[in-house]
Amino acid sequence: MDSFLKLEPDNIQVQLGELYTASSAYRQSENYRRFLALCTNFKRYSLFNVSLVYLQMPGARFYLPPQEWERSYGRLIKNDERPLIALQPFAPIMLLYDVSQTIPNNSSPFSHNVQLDKLLEPFNASVSQHIDTDKLSKLLDNLPYCGIQYSKMRTGSLYAGKLQVGNCRDPLMDITWTGKDGQSHILRCPPPYTLKCSESLTETETFTTLAHELGHFFLHHLPCAFEEKWNDSRCNLDHNTVEFEAESVAWLVCKRQKIEPPSQQYLAEYLNANQEIPPVDILAIAKAVEKIEALYHSLTIEKGLIYKHNSSIRESVRTIEGKTS
């Protein structure tokens, strides 16, 4: 524990990976089912922190800092309870405790009307079958910043979509952005990746397909096609692990938008048929979901992966903006 409390920024991911490797309880199928439900409903903390707490206590359901338990719920932390560690913005860590680690403070002068029983009921989020068109549109607009050229194609009924590394036969990709000078700019370049979806899909079906394919992308299941390689390539994982991770990302992305994804049947059948899940990386799944959800909002070209990992793109952008400044 002491070494974890002394985390240096450069070592955080390494030590979190060691925590993931050392954890085994999360691999039980029933615990993983609870984890998925928790991630879709408990949005008080980042998905990454929800995953981190889950690795430490797979049965955790509702957790807060000690002072908030007492202030808002009139509850105290039991003696000798071990805190759950999460990362905190602008500070190394924060210490949390699950409701199971608390007891009522009978001497509390406050009246607490919130019934914890309701907070602990099984999750049952309402479900819609329609994606927010503005979010879908913004996501598609941001794909070139990720180095992904998106297109629709005529396909058979069994084809939904496919993400793959680009090649010399692909048409050039247009990247448009508003520069620091306030003017619109455009850059044409070979696409590092291409993502093609069936033209017969509805908007919601397109979104669920994108969620799965982008899951593969942000989980680094594909070879890195950028000039500057990322240092956590995971393209050598076995097929079962790769698909389970991508289906998990798709399920979380869709359910957090109140959409029933096709991955639900896959995950349900697997969890029902197996006592344990494949050796997936919970933290990588959480990070992938958060990166996809970031694409619902406006991005600058400097925030995109194609800019961060390609020196030639960075130079071209600076040159184009310089010519018009």
C-alpha atoms as a PDB file:
ATOM      1  CA  MET A   1       0.000   0.000   0.000  1.00  0.00           C
ATOM      2  CA  ASP A   2       2.804   2.432   0.891  1.00  0.00           C
ATOM      3  CA  SER A   3       4.348   2.153  -2.564  1.00  0.00           C
ATOM      4  CA  PHE A   4       0.982   2.862  -4.186  1.00  0.00           C
ATOM      5  CA  LEU A   5       0.546   6.013  -2.096  1.00  0.00           C
ATOM      6  CA  LYS A   6       3.867   7.299  -3.459  1.00  0.00           C
ATOM      7  CA  LEU A   7       2.862   7.074  -7.118  1.00  0.00           C
ATOM      8  CA  GLU A   8       4.885   9.160  -9.540  1.00  0.00           C
ATOM      9  CA  PRO A   9       3.007  10.364 -12.658  1.00  0.00           C
ATOM     10  CA  ASP A  10       5.171   8.290 -15.020  1.00  0.00           C
ATOM     11  CA  ASN A  11       4.630   5.124 -12.986  1.00  0.00           C
ATOM     12  CA  ILE A  12       0.889   5.381 -12.382  1.00  0.00           C
ATOM     13  CA  GLN A  13      -0.129   3.296 -15.395  1.00  0.00           C
ATOM     14  CA  VAL A  14       2.526   0.668 -14.663  1.00  0.00           C
ATOM     15  CA  GLN A  15       1.448   0.222 -11.064  1.00  0.00           C
ATOM     16  CA  LEU A  16      -2.242   0.219 -11.968  1.00  0.00           C
ATOM     17  CA  GLY A  17      -1.432  -2.535 -14.438  1.00  0.00           C
ATOM     18  CA  GLU A  18       0.205  -4.491 -11.635  1.00  0.00           C
ATOM     19  CA  LEU A  19      -2.923  -4.010  -9.534  1.00  0.00           C
ATOM     20  CA  TYR A  20      -5.036  -5.362 -12.393  1.00  0.00           C
ATOM     21  CA  THR A  21      -2.734  -8.362 -12.839  1.00  0.00           C
ATOM     22  CA  ALA A  22      -2.800  -9.150  -9.132  1.00  0.00           C
ATOM     23  CA  SER A  23      -6.610  -9.068  -8.983  1.00  0.00           C
ATOM     24  CA  SER A  24      -8.465 -12.291  -9.692  1.00  0.00           C
ATOM     25  CA  ALA A  25     -11.928 -11.826  -8.156  1.00  0.00           C
ATOM     26  CA  TYR A  26     -13.087  -9.566 -10.994  1.00  0.00           C
ATOM     27  CA  ARG A  27     -12.729 -12.446 -13.463  1.00  0.00           C
ATOM     28  CA  GLN A  28     -15.678 -14.278 -11.966  1.00  0.00           C
ATOM     29  CA  SER A  29     -18.543 -13.902 -14.420  1.00  0.00           C
ATOM     30  CA  GLU A  30     -21.069 -12.740 -11.820  1.00  0.00           C
ATOM     31  CA  ASN A  31     -18.726 -10.042 -10.538  1.00  0.00           C
ATOM     32  CA  TYR A  32     -18.110  -8.847 -14.087  1.00  0.00           C
ATOM     33  CA  ARG A  33     -21.870  -8.638 -14.649  1.00  0.00           C
ATOM     34  CA  ARG A  34     -22.123  -6.371 -11.597  1.00  0.00           C
ATOM     35  CA  PHE A  35     -19.222  -4.279 -12.866  1.00  0.00           C
ATOM     36  CA  LEU A  36     -20.974  -3.635 -16.178  1.00  0.00           C
ATOM     37  CA  ALA A  37     -24.160  -2.609 -14.381  1.00  0.00           C
ATOM     38  CA  LEU A  38     -22.241  -0.283 -12.079  1.00  0.00           C
ATOM     39  CA  CYS A  39     -20.461   1.455 -14.951  1.00  0.00           C
ATOM     40  CA  THR A  40     -23.705   2.242 -16.753  1.00  0.00           C
ATOM     41  CA  ASN A  41     -25.368   3.842 -13.748  1.00  0.00           C
ATOM     42  CA  PHE A  42     -22.834   5.151 -11.224  1.00  0.00           C
ATOM     43  CA  LYS A  43     -21.595   8.302 -13.003  1.00  0.00           C
ATOM     44  CA  ARG A  44     -20.471  10.222  -9.936  1.00  0.00           C
ATOM     45  CA  TYR A  45     -16.866   9.210 -10.640  1.00  0.00           C
ATOM     46  CA  SER A  46     -15.003   8.659 -13.881  1.00  0.00           C
ATOM     47  CA  LEU A  47     -15.358   5.268 -15.486  1.00  0.00           C
ATOM     48  CA  PHE A  48     -11.646   4.749 -14.893  1.00  0.00           C
ATOM     49  CA  ASN A  49     -12.109   5.257 -11.134  1.00  0.00           C
ATOM     50  CA  VAL A  50     -15.176   3.017 -11.074  1.00  0.00           C
ATOM     51  CA  SER A  51     -13.009   0.319 -12.645  1.00  0.00           C
ATOM     52  CA  LEU A  52     -10.181   0.943 -10.226  1.00  0.00           C
ATOM     53  CA  VAL A  53     -12.490   0.603  -7.208  1.00  0.00           C
ATOM     54  CA  TYR A  54     -14.040  -2.501  -8.745  1.00  0.00           C
ATOM     55  CA  LEU A  55     -10.635  -4.171  -8.997  1.00  0.00           C
ATOM     56  CA  GLN A  56     -10.100  -3.618  -5.283  1.00  0.00           C
ATOM     57  CA  MET A  57     -13.611  -4.645  -4.196  1.00  0.00           C
ATOM     58  CA  PRO A  58     -15.660  -6.425  -6.884  1.00  0.00           C
ATOM     59  CA  GLY A  59     -18.796  -6.319  -4.715  1.00  0.00           C
ATOM     60  CA  ALA A  60     -18.708  -2.544  -4.100  1.00  0.00           C
ATOM     61  CA  ARG A  61     -22.023  -0.842  -4.859  1.00  0.00           C
ATOM     62  CA  PHE A  62     -21.973   2.727  -3.531  1.00  0.00           C
ATOM     63  CA  TYR A  63     -18.837   4.452  -2.255  1.00  0.00           C
ATOM     64  CA  LEU A  64     -17.953   7.916  -0.964  1.00  0.00           C
ATOM     65  CA  PRO A  65     -15.231   9.713   1.029  1.00  0.00           C
ATOM     66  CA  PRO A  66     -15.561   9.356   4.842  1.00  0.00           C
ATOM     67  CA  GLN A  67     -16.617  12.960   5.408  1.00  0.00           C
ATOM     68  CA  GLU A  68     -19.430  12.687   2.884  1.00  0.00           C
ATOM     69  CA  TRP A  69     -20.732   9.475   4.433  1.00  0.00           C
ATOM     70  CA  GLU A  70     -21.087  11.316   7.737  1.00  0.00           C
ATOM     71  CA  ARG A  71     -22.309  14.630   6.347  1.00  0.00           C
ATOM     72  CA  SER A  72     -24.838  13.331   3.825  1.00  0.00           C
ATOM     73  CA  TYR A  73     -25.865   9.956   5.227  1.00  0.00           C
ATOM     74  CA  GLY A  74     -25.064  10.045   8.936  1.00  0.00           C
ATOM     75  CA  ARG A  75     -22.794   7.013   8.680  1.00  0.00           C
ATOM     76  CA  LEU A  76     -19.337   6.282  10.054  1.00  0.00           C
ATOM     77  CA  ILE A  77     -16.555   4.095   8.724  1.00  0.00           C
ATOM     78  CA  LYS A  78     -16.189   0.803  10.594  1.00  0.00           C
ATOM     79  CA  ASN A  79     -13.007   0.238  12.538  1.00  0.00           C
ATOM     80  CA  ASP A  80     -10.053  -1.250  10.630  1.00  0.00           C
ATOM     81  CA  GLU A  81     -11.736  -0.962   7.224  1.00  0.00           C
ATOM     82  CA  ARG A  82      -9.307  -0.709   4.331  1.00  0.00           C
ATOM     83  CA  PRO A  83      -9.989   2.293   2.050  1.00  0.00           C
ATOM     84  CA  LEU A  84     -10.579   1.979  -1.669  1.00  0.00           C
ATOM     85  CA  ILE A  85      -8.082   4.057  -3.629  1.00  0.00           C
ATOM     86  CA  ALA A  86      -9.066   6.177  -6.636  1.00  0.00           C
ATOM     87  CA  LEU A  87      -7.234   8.858  -8.607  1.00  0.00           C
ATOM     88  CA  GLN A  88      -8.183  12.472  -7.975  1.00  0.00           C
ATOM     89  CA  PRO A  89      -7.802  15.459 -10.334  1.00  0.00           C
ATOM     90  CA  PHE A  90      -5.021  17.809  -9.202  1.00  0.00           C
ATOM     91  CA  ALA A  91      -4.089  15.429  -6.365  1.00  0.00           C
ATOM     92  CA  PRO A  92      -2.526  11.959  -6.243  1.00  0.00           C
ATOM     93  CA  ILE A  93      -5.368   9.903  -4.765  1.00  0.00           C
ATOM     94  CA  MET A  94      -8.647   9.956  -2.857  1.00  0.00           C
ATOM     95  CA  LEU A  95      -9.823   7.407  -0.298  1.00  0.00           C
ATOM     96  CA  LEU A  96     -13.328   5.968  -0.634  1.00  0.00           C
ATOM     97  CA  TYR A  97     -15.412   3.511   1.373  1.00  0.00           C
ATOM     98  CA  ASP A  98     -18.251   1.319   0.173  1.00  0.00           C
ATOM     99  CA  VAL A  99     -21.569   1.333   2.026  1.00  0.00           C
ATOM    100  CA  SER A 100     -20.753  -2.147   3.325  1.00  0.00           C
ATOM    101  CA  GLN A 101     -17.827  -0.594   5.208  1.00  0.00           C
ATOM    102  CA  THR A 102     -20.035   1.882   7.108  1.00  0.00           C
ATOM    103  CA  ILE A 103     -22.400   1.845  10.097  1.00  0.00           C
ATOM    104  CA  PRO A 104     -25.092   4.329  11.217  1.00  0.00           C
ATOM    105  CA  ASN A 105     -23.925   7.176  13.443  1.00  0.00           C
ATOM    106  CA  ASN A 106     -26.627   7.067  16.095  1.00  0.00           C
ATOM    107  CA  SER A 107     -25.411  10.291  17.682  1.00  0.00           C
ATOM    108  CA  SER A 108     -25.586  12.288  14.473  1.00  0.00           C
ATOM    109  CA  PRO A 109     -27.578  15.523  14.976  1.00  0.00           C
ATOM    110  CA  PHE A 110     -28.635  15.544  11.346  1.00  0.00           C
ATOM    111  CA  SER A 111     -31.736  14.040   9.824  1.00  0.00           C
ATOM    112  CA  HIS A 112     -30.910  11.931   6.795  1.00  0.00           C
ATOM    113  CA  ASN A 113     -33.875  11.303   4.584  1.00  0.00           C
ATOM    114  CA  VAL A 114     -32.073   9.421   1.838  1.00  0.00           C
ATOM    115  CA  GLN A 115     -32.891   5.720   1.996  1.00  0.00           C
ATOM    116  CA  LEU A 116     -29.812   3.666   1.245  1.00  0.00           C
ATOM    117  CA  ASP A 117     -32.017   0.698   0.399  1.00  0.00           C
ATOM    118  CA  LYS A 118     -33.049   2.469  -2.791  1.00  0.00           C
ATOM    119  CA  LEU A 119     -29.427   3.130  -3.681  1.00  0.00           C
ATOM    120  CA  LEU A 120     -28.662  -0.565  -3.364  1.00  0.00           C
ATOM    121  CA  GLU A 121     -31.522  -1.884  -5.485  1.00  0.00           C
ATOM    122  CA  PRO A 122     -30.516  -3.765  -8.656  1.00  0.00           C
ATOM    123  CA  PHE A 123     -29.846  -1.401 -11.516  1.00  0.00           C
ATOM    124  CA  ASN A 124     -32.604  -1.099 -14.078  1.00  0.00           C
ATOM    125  CA  ALA A 125     -31.853   1.837 -16.331  1.00  0.00           C
ATOM    126  CA  SER A 126     -34.483   2.936 -18.822  1.00  0.00           C
ATOM    127  CA  VAL A 127     -33.683   1.991 -22.390  1.00  0.00           C
ATOM    128  CA  SER A 128     -34.211   3.839 -25.638  1.00  0.00           C
ATOM    129  CA  GLN A 129     -33.680   2.620 -29.163  1.00  0.00           C
ATOM    130  CA  HIS A 130     -32.591   5.958 -30.635  1.00  0.00           C
ATOM    131  CA  ILE A 131     -29.186   7.589 -30.506  1.00  0.00           C
ATOM    132  CA  ASP A 132     -28.829  11.330 -30.010  1.00  0.00           C
ATOM    133  CA  THR A 133     -28.191  12.463 -33.608  1.00  0.00           C
ATOM    134  CA  ASP A 134     -26.073  15.409 -32.453  1.00  0.00           C
ATOM    135  CA  LYS A 135     -23.717  13.067 -30.577  1.00  0.00           C
ATOM    136  CA  LEU A 136     -23.476  10.723 -33.544  1.00  0.00           C
ATOM    137  CA  SER A 137     -22.773  13.629 -35.891  1.00  0.00           C
ATOM    138  CA  LYS A 138     -20.075  15.052 -33.640  1.00  0.00           C
ATOM    139  CA  LEU A 139     -18.476  11.612 -33.244  1.00  0.00           C
ATOM    140  CA  LEU A 140     -18.282  11.187 -37.013  1.00  0.00           C
ATOM    141  CA  ASP A 141     -16.872  14.699 -37.434  1.00  0.00           C
ATOM    142  CA  ASN A 142     -14.086  13.876 -34.963  1.00  0.00           C
ATOM    143  CA  LEU A 143     -12.985  10.610 -36.585  1.00  0.00           C
ATOM    144  CA  PRO A 144     -10.446  12.272 -38.946  1.00  0.00           C
ATOM    145  CA  TYR A 145      -8.721  13.753 -35.876  1.00  0.00           C
ATOM    146  CA  CYS A 146      -8.268  10.150 -34.716  1.00  0.00           C
ATOM    147  CA  GLY A 147      -6.746   9.265 -38.079  1.00  0.00           C
ATOM    148  CA  ILE A 148      -9.864   7.364 -39.185  1.00  0.00           C
ATOM    149  CA  GLN A 149     -11.506   7.848 -42.579  1.00  0.00           C
ATOM    150  CA  TYR A 150     -15.211   6.980 -42.333  1.00  0.00           C
ATOM    151  CA  SER A 151     -17.389   5.921 -45.243  1.00  0.00           C
ATOM    152  CA  LYS A 152     -20.566   3.997 -46.018  1.00  0.00           C
ATOM    153  CA  MET A 153     -20.694   1.121 -48.471  1.00  0.00           C
ATOM    154  CA  ARG A 154     -23.199  -1.233 -50.058  1.00  0.00           C
ATOM    155  CA  THR A 155     -22.960  -4.596 -48.333  1.00  0.00           C
ATOM    156  CA  GLY A 156     -24.779  -7.832 -47.706  1.00  0.00           C
ATOM    157  CA  SER A 157     -27.140  -8.256 -44.777  1.00  0.00           C
ATOM    158  CA  LEU A 158     -24.488  -9.871 -42.539  1.00  0.00           C
ATOM    159  CA  TYR A 159     -22.008  -6.979 -42.814  1.00  0.00           C
ATOM    160  CA  ALA A 160     -22.249  -4.104 -40.328  1.00  0.00           C
ATOM    161  CA  GLY A 161     -18.842  -2.443 -40.341  1.00  0.00           C
ATOM    162  CA  LYS A 162     -15.094  -2.920 -40.268  1.00  0.00           C
ATOM    163  CA  LEU A 163     -12.127  -0.887 -39.026  1.00  0.00           C
ATOM    164  CA  GLN A 164      -8.755  -1.633 -40.568  1.00  0.00           C
ATOM    165  CA  VAL A 165      -5.335  -0.143 -41.233  1.00  0.00           C
ATOM    166  CA  GLY A 166      -5.304   2.063 -44.333  1.00  0.00           C
ATOM    167  CA  ASN A 167      -3.377   1.244 -47.483  1.00  0.00           C
ATOM    168  CA  CYS A 168      -2.164   3.000 -50.622  1.00  0.00           C
ATOM    169  CA  ARG A 169      -5.396   2.266 -52.512  1.00  0.00           C
ATOM    170  CA  ASP A 170      -7.553   4.289 -50.107  1.00  0.00           C
ATOM    171  CA  PRO A 171      -8.580   7.801 -51.202  1.00  0.00           C
ATOM    172  CA  LEU A 172      -7.000  10.702 -49.344  1.00  0.00           C
ATOM    173  CA  MET A 173      -8.688  11.816 -46.132  1.00  0.00           C
ATOM    174  CA  ASP A 174      -9.750  15.414 -45.524  1.00  0.00           C
ATOM    175  CA  ILE A 175      -8.998  16.911 -42.116  1.00  0.00           C
ATOM    176  CA  THR A 176     -10.716  20.253 -41.522  1.00  0.00           C
ATOM    177  CA  TRP A 177     -10.254  22.546 -38.548  1.00  0.00           C
ATOM    178  CA  THR A 178     -10.489  26.122 -37.362  1.00  0.00           C
ATOM    179  CA  GLY A 179      -7.035  27.507 -36.670  1.00  0.00           C
ATOM    180  CA  LYS A 180      -5.857  29.862 -33.981  1.00  0.00           C
ATOM    181  CA  ASP A 181      -6.315  32.604 -36.583  1.00  0.00           C
ATOM    182  CA  GLY A 182     -10.066  31.886 -36.611  1.00  0.00           C
ATOM    183  CA  GLN A 183      -9.976  30.697 -40.222  1.00  0.00           C
ATOM    184  CA  SER A 184     -11.054  27.332 -41.606  1.00  0.00           C
ATOM    185  CA  HIS A 185      -8.308  25.081 -42.934  1.00  0.00           C
ATOM    186  CA  ILE A 186      -8.115  21.744 -44.704  1.00  0.00           C
ATOM    187  CA  LEU A 187      -5.381  19.143 -44.982  1.00  0.00           C
ATOM    188  CA  ARG A 188      -5.486  16.089 -47.251  1.00  0.00           C
ATOM    189  CA  CYS A 189      -3.461  13.047 -46.265  1.00  0.00           C
ATOM    190  CA  PRO A 190      -3.452   9.238 -46.526  1.00  0.00           C
ATOM    191  CA  PRO A 191      -5.728   7.763 -43.847  1.00  0.00           C
ATOM    192  CA  PRO A 192      -3.928   5.707 -41.177  1.00  0.00           C
ATOM    193  CA  TYR A 193      -7.190   3.787 -40.656  1.00  0.00           C
ATOM    194  CA  THR A 194     -10.443   3.278 -42.537  1.00  0.00           C
ATOM    195  CA  LEU A 195     -13.833   2.499 -41.003  1.00  0.00           C
ATOM    196  CA  LYS A 196     -16.583   1.383 -43.361  1.00  0.00           C
ATOM    197  CA  CYS A 197     -20.187   0.790 -42.326  1.00  0.00           C
ATOM    198  CA  SER A 198     -23.105  -0.653 -44.251  1.00  0.00           C
ATOM    199  CA  GLU A 199     -25.299   1.980 -45.867  1.00  0.00           C
ATOM    200  CA  SER A 200     -28.364  -0.056 -44.863  1.00  0.00           C
ATOM    201  CA  LEU A 201     -27.831   0.614 -41.145  1.00  0.00           C
ATOM    202  CA  THR A 202     -30.046   3.001 -39.203  1.00  0.00           C
ATOM    203  CA  GLU A 203     -28.407   5.807 -37.218  1.00  0.00           C
ATOM    204  CA  THR A 204     -28.682   3.781 -34.025  1.00  0.00           C
ATOM    205  CA  GLU A 205     -27.262   0.658 -35.686  1.00  0.00           C
ATOM    206  CA  THR A 206     -24.436   2.766 -37.080  1.00  0.00           C
ATOM    207  CA  PHE A 207     -23.694   4.027 -33.563  1.00  0.00           C
ATOM    208  CA  THR A 208     -23.597   0.525 -32.075  1.00  0.00           C
ATOM    209  CA  THR A 209     -21.280  -0.599 -34.882  1.00  0.00           C
ATOM    210  CA  LEU A 210     -19.004   2.386 -34.327  1.00  0.00           C
ATOM    211  CA  ALA A 211     -18.915   1.636 -30.588  1.00  0.00           C
ATOM    212  CA  HIS A 212     -17.602  -1.874 -31.259  1.00  0.00           C
ATOM    213  CA  GLU A 213     -15.056  -0.899 -33.918  1.00  0.00           C
ATOM    214  CA  LEU A 214     -13.799   2.107 -31.959  1.00  0.00           C
ATOM    215  CA  GLY A 215     -13.519  -0.231 -28.978  1.00  0.00           C
ATOM    216  CA  HIS A 216     -10.950  -2.225 -30.958  1.00  0.00           C
ATOM    217  CA  PHE A 217      -9.228   1.026 -31.941  1.00  0.00           C
ATOM    218  CA  PHE A 218      -8.872   2.542 -28.473  1.00  0.00           C
ATOM    219  CA  LEU A 219      -8.009  -0.826 -26.937  1.00  0.00           C
ATOM    220  CA  HIS A 220      -5.064  -0.872 -29.369  1.00  0.00           C
ATOM    221  CA  HIS A 221      -6.090  -4.207 -30.856  1.00  0.00           C
ATOM    222  CA  LEU A 222      -4.975  -3.053 -34.308  1.00  0.00           C
ATOM    223  CA  PRO A 223      -1.354  -2.392 -35.300  1.00  0.00           C
ATOM    224  CA  CYS A 224      -0.364   1.249 -34.819  1.00  0.00           C
ATOM    225  CA  ALA A 225      -0.446   2.988 -38.216  1.00  0.00           C
ATOM    226  CA  PHE A 226       0.941   6.305 -36.972  1.00  0.00           C
ATOM    227  CA  GLU A 227       4.535   7.463 -37.419  1.00  0.00           C
ATOM    228  CA  GLU A 228       5.121   7.557 -33.670  1.00  0.00           C
ATOM    229  CA  LYS A 229       4.047   4.230 -32.175  1.00  0.00           C
ATOM    230  CA  TRP A 230       2.109   3.930 -28.949  1.00  0.00           C
ATOM    231  CA  ASN A 231       3.892   1.933 -26.287  1.00  0.00           C
ATOM    232  CA  ASP A 232       1.016  -0.300 -25.199  1.00  0.00           C
ATOM    233  CA  SER A 233       0.130  -2.218 -28.351  1.00  0.00           C
ATOM    234  CA  ARG A 234      -2.214  -5.123 -27.616  1.00  0.00           C
ATOM    235  CA  CYS A 235      -2.600  -6.502 -31.138  1.00  0.00           C
ATOM    236  CA  ASN A 236      -1.207  -9.920 -30.171  1.00  0.00           C
ATOM    237  CA  LEU A 237      -4.048 -10.866 -27.810  1.00  0.00           C
ATOM    238  CA  ASP A 238      -6.028 -14.014 -28.570  1.00  0.00           C
ATOM    239  CA  HIS A 239      -9.270 -13.623 -30.524  1.00  0.00           C
ATOM    240  CA  ASN A 240     -11.516 -14.509 -27.587  1.00  0.00           C
ATOM    241  CA  THR A 241     -10.023 -11.785 -25.364  1.00  0.00           C
ATOM    242  CA  VAL A 242     -10.052  -9.199 -28.152  1.00  0.00           C
ATOM    243  CA  GLU A 243     -13.730  -9.733 -28.947  1.00  0.00           C
ATOM    244  CA  PHE A 244     -14.797  -9.861 -25.296  1.00  0.00           C
ATOM    245  CA  GLU A 245     -13.042  -6.540 -24.615  1.00  0.00           C
ATOM    246  CA  ALA A 246     -14.540  -4.846 -27.688  1.00  0.00           C
ATOM    247  CA  GLU A 247     -18.018  -6.185 -26.908  1.00  0.00           C
ATOM    248  CA  SER A 248     -17.660  -4.904 -23.337  1.00  0.00           C
ATOM    249  CA  VAL A 249     -16.732  -1.435 -24.596  1.00  0.00           C
ATOM    250  CA  ALA A 250     -19.645  -1.440 -27.046  1.00  0.00           C
ATOM    251  CA  TRP A 251     -22.069  -2.560 -24.345  1.00  0.00           C
ATOM    252  CA  LEU A 252     -20.954   0.164 -21.929  1.00  0.00           C
ATOM    253  CA  VAL A 253     -20.943   2.921 -24.565  1.00  0.00           C
ATOM    254  CA  CYS A 254     -24.419   1.993 -25.760  1.00  0.00           C
ATOM    255  CA  LYS A 255     -26.027   1.348 -22.388  1.00  0.00           C
ATOM    256  CA  ARG A 256     -24.727   4.694 -21.090  1.00  0.00           C
ATOM    257  CA  GLN A 257     -26.709   6.196 -23.988  1.00  0.00           C
ATOM    258  CA  LYS A 258     -29.735   4.049 -23.016  1.00  0.00           C
ATOM    259  CA  ILE A 259     -29.466   1.874 -26.124  1.00  0.00           C
ATOM    260  CA  GLU A 260     -29.760  -1.904 -26.235  1.00  0.00           C
ATOM    261  CA  PRO A 261     -26.620  -3.025 -28.102  1.00  0.00           C
ATOM    262  CA  PRO A 262     -26.177  -6.257 -30.097  1.00  0.00           C
ATOM    263  CA  SER A 263     -23.254  -7.059 -27.782  1.00  0.00           C
ATOM    264  CA  GLN A 264     -25.732  -7.669 -24.957  1.00  0.00           C
ATOM    265  CA  GLN A 265     -26.593 -11.129 -26.281  1.00  0.00           C
ATOM    266  CA  TYR A 266     -22.933 -12.029 -26.788  1.00  0.00           C
ATOM    267  CA  LEU A 267     -21.952 -11.007 -23.267  1.00  0.00           C
ATOM    268  CA  ALA A 268     -25.006 -12.607 -21.663  1.00  0.00           C
ATOM    269  CA  GLU A 269     -24.406 -15.921 -23.385  1.00  0.00           C
ATOM    270  CA  TYR A 270     -20.726 -15.902 -22.455  1.00  0.00           C
ATOM    271  CA  LEU A 271     -21.287 -14.969 -18.802  1.00  0.00           C
ATOM    272  CA  ASN A 272     -24.035 -17.567 -18.455  1.00  0.00           C
ATOM    273  CA  ALA A 273     -21.932 -20.316 -19.997  1.00  0.00           C
ATOM    274  CA  ASN A 274     -18.595 -19.620 -18.275  1.00  0.00           C
ATOM    275  CA  GLN A 275     -17.532 -19.297 -14.663  1.00  0.00           C
ATOM    276  CA  GLU A 276     -14.792 -16.827 -15.576  1.00  0.00           C
ATOM    277  CA  ILE A 277     -14.276 -14.182 -18.233  1.00  0.00           C
ATOM    278  CA  PRO A 278     -11.194 -14.094 -20.517  1.00  0.00           C
ATOM    279  CA  PRO A 279      -8.065 -12.295 -19.213  1.00  0.00           C
ATOM    280  CA  VAL A 280      -9.319  -8.840 -20.211  1.00  0.00           C
ATOM    281  CA  ASP A 281      -7.851  -5.537 -19.057  1.00  0.00           C
ATOM    282  CA  ILE A 282     -10.552  -3.739 -17.054  1.00  0.00           C
ATOM    283  CA  LEU A 283      -8.652  -0.452 -16.973  1.00  0.00           C
ATOM    284  CA  ALA A 284      -8.073  -0.501 -20.742  1.00  0.00           C
ATOM    285  CA  ILE A 285     -11.815  -1.076 -21.275  1.00  0.00           C
ATOM    286  CA  ALA A 286     -12.659   1.879 -19.029  1.00  0.00           C
ATOM    287  CA  LYS A 287     -10.188   4.160 -20.805  1.00  0.00           C
ATOM    288  CA  ALA A 288     -11.546   3.129 -24.215  1.00  0.00           C
ATOM    289  CA  VAL A 289     -15.112   3.986 -23.197  1.00  0.00           C
ATOM    290  CA  GLU A 290     -14.050   7.402 -21.913  1.00  0.00           C
ATOM    291  CA  LYS A 291     -12.127   8.132 -25.122  1.00  0.00           C
ATOM    292  CA  ILE A 292     -15.156   7.271 -27.256  1.00  0.00           C
ATOM    293  CA  GLU A 293     -17.406   9.435 -25.090  1.00  0.00           C
ATOM    294  CA  ALA A 294     -14.945  12.329 -25.493  1.00  0.00           C
ATOM    295  CA  LEU A 295     -15.764  12.256 -29.216  1.00  0.00           C
ATOM    296  CA  TYR A 296     -19.310  13.475 -28.476  1.00  0.00           C
ATOM    297  CA  HIS A 297     -17.834  16.937 -27.929  1.00  0.00           C
ATOM    298  CA  SER A 298     -15.961  19.413 -30.123  1.00  0.00           C
ATOM    299  CA  LEU A 299     -12.245  18.711 -30.369  1.00  0.00           C
ATOM    300  CA  THR A 300      -9.338  20.758 -31.643  1.00  0.00           C
ATOM    301  CA  ILE A 301      -6.970  19.198 -34.135  1.00  0.00           C
ATOM    302  CA  GLU A 302      -4.183  19.350 -31.536  1.00  0.00           C
ATOM    303  CA  LYS A 303      -6.182  16.963 -29.333  1.00  0.00           C
ATOM    304  CA  GLY A 304      -6.378  14.344 -32.073  1.00  0.00           C
ATOM    305  CA  LEU A 305      -4.244  11.215 -32.264  1.00  0.00           C
ATOM    306  CA  ILE A 306      -3.187  11.890 -35.843  1.00  0.00           C
ATOM    307  CA  TYR A 307      -1.667  15.190 -34.695  1.00  0.00           C
ATOM    308  CA  LYS A 308      -0.089  13.772 -31.549  1.00  0.00           C
ATOM    309  CA  HIS A 309       1.494  10.741 -33.243  1.00  0.00           C
ATOM    310  CA  ASN A 310       2.505  12.120 -36.660  1.00  0.00           C
ATOM    311  CA  SER A 311       5.281  14.709 -36.837  1.00  0.00           C
ATOM    312  CA  SER A 312       4.538  15.287 -40.535  1.00  0.00           C
ATOM    313  CA  ILE A 313       0.909  16.179 -39.738  1.00  0.00           C
ATOM    314  CA  ARG A 314       2.002  18.566 -36.983  1.00  0.00           C
ATOM    315  CA  GLU A 315       4.410  20.264 -39.370  1.00  0.00           C
ATOM    316  CA  SER A 316       1.785  20.505 -42.123  1.00  0.00           C
ATOM    317  CA  VAL A 317      -0.773  22.048 -39.773  1.00  0.00           C
ATOM    318  CA  ARG A 318       1.727  24.636 -38.555  1.00  0.00           C
ATOM    319  CA  THR A 319       2.752  25.417 -42.123  1.00  0.00           C
ATOM    320  CA  ILE A 320      -0.863  25.842 -43.316  1.00  0.00           C
ATOM    321  CA  GLU A 321      -1.745  28.089 -40.369  1.00  0.00           C
ATOM    322  CA  GLY A 322       1.463  30.062 -40.880  1.00  0.00           C
ATOM    323  CA  LYS A 323       0.677  30.770 -44.511  1.00  0.00           C
ATOM    324  CA  THR A 324      -2.649  32.355 -43.637  1.00  0.00           C
ATOM    325  CA  SER A 325      -1.651  34.197 -40.451  1.00  0.00           C
END
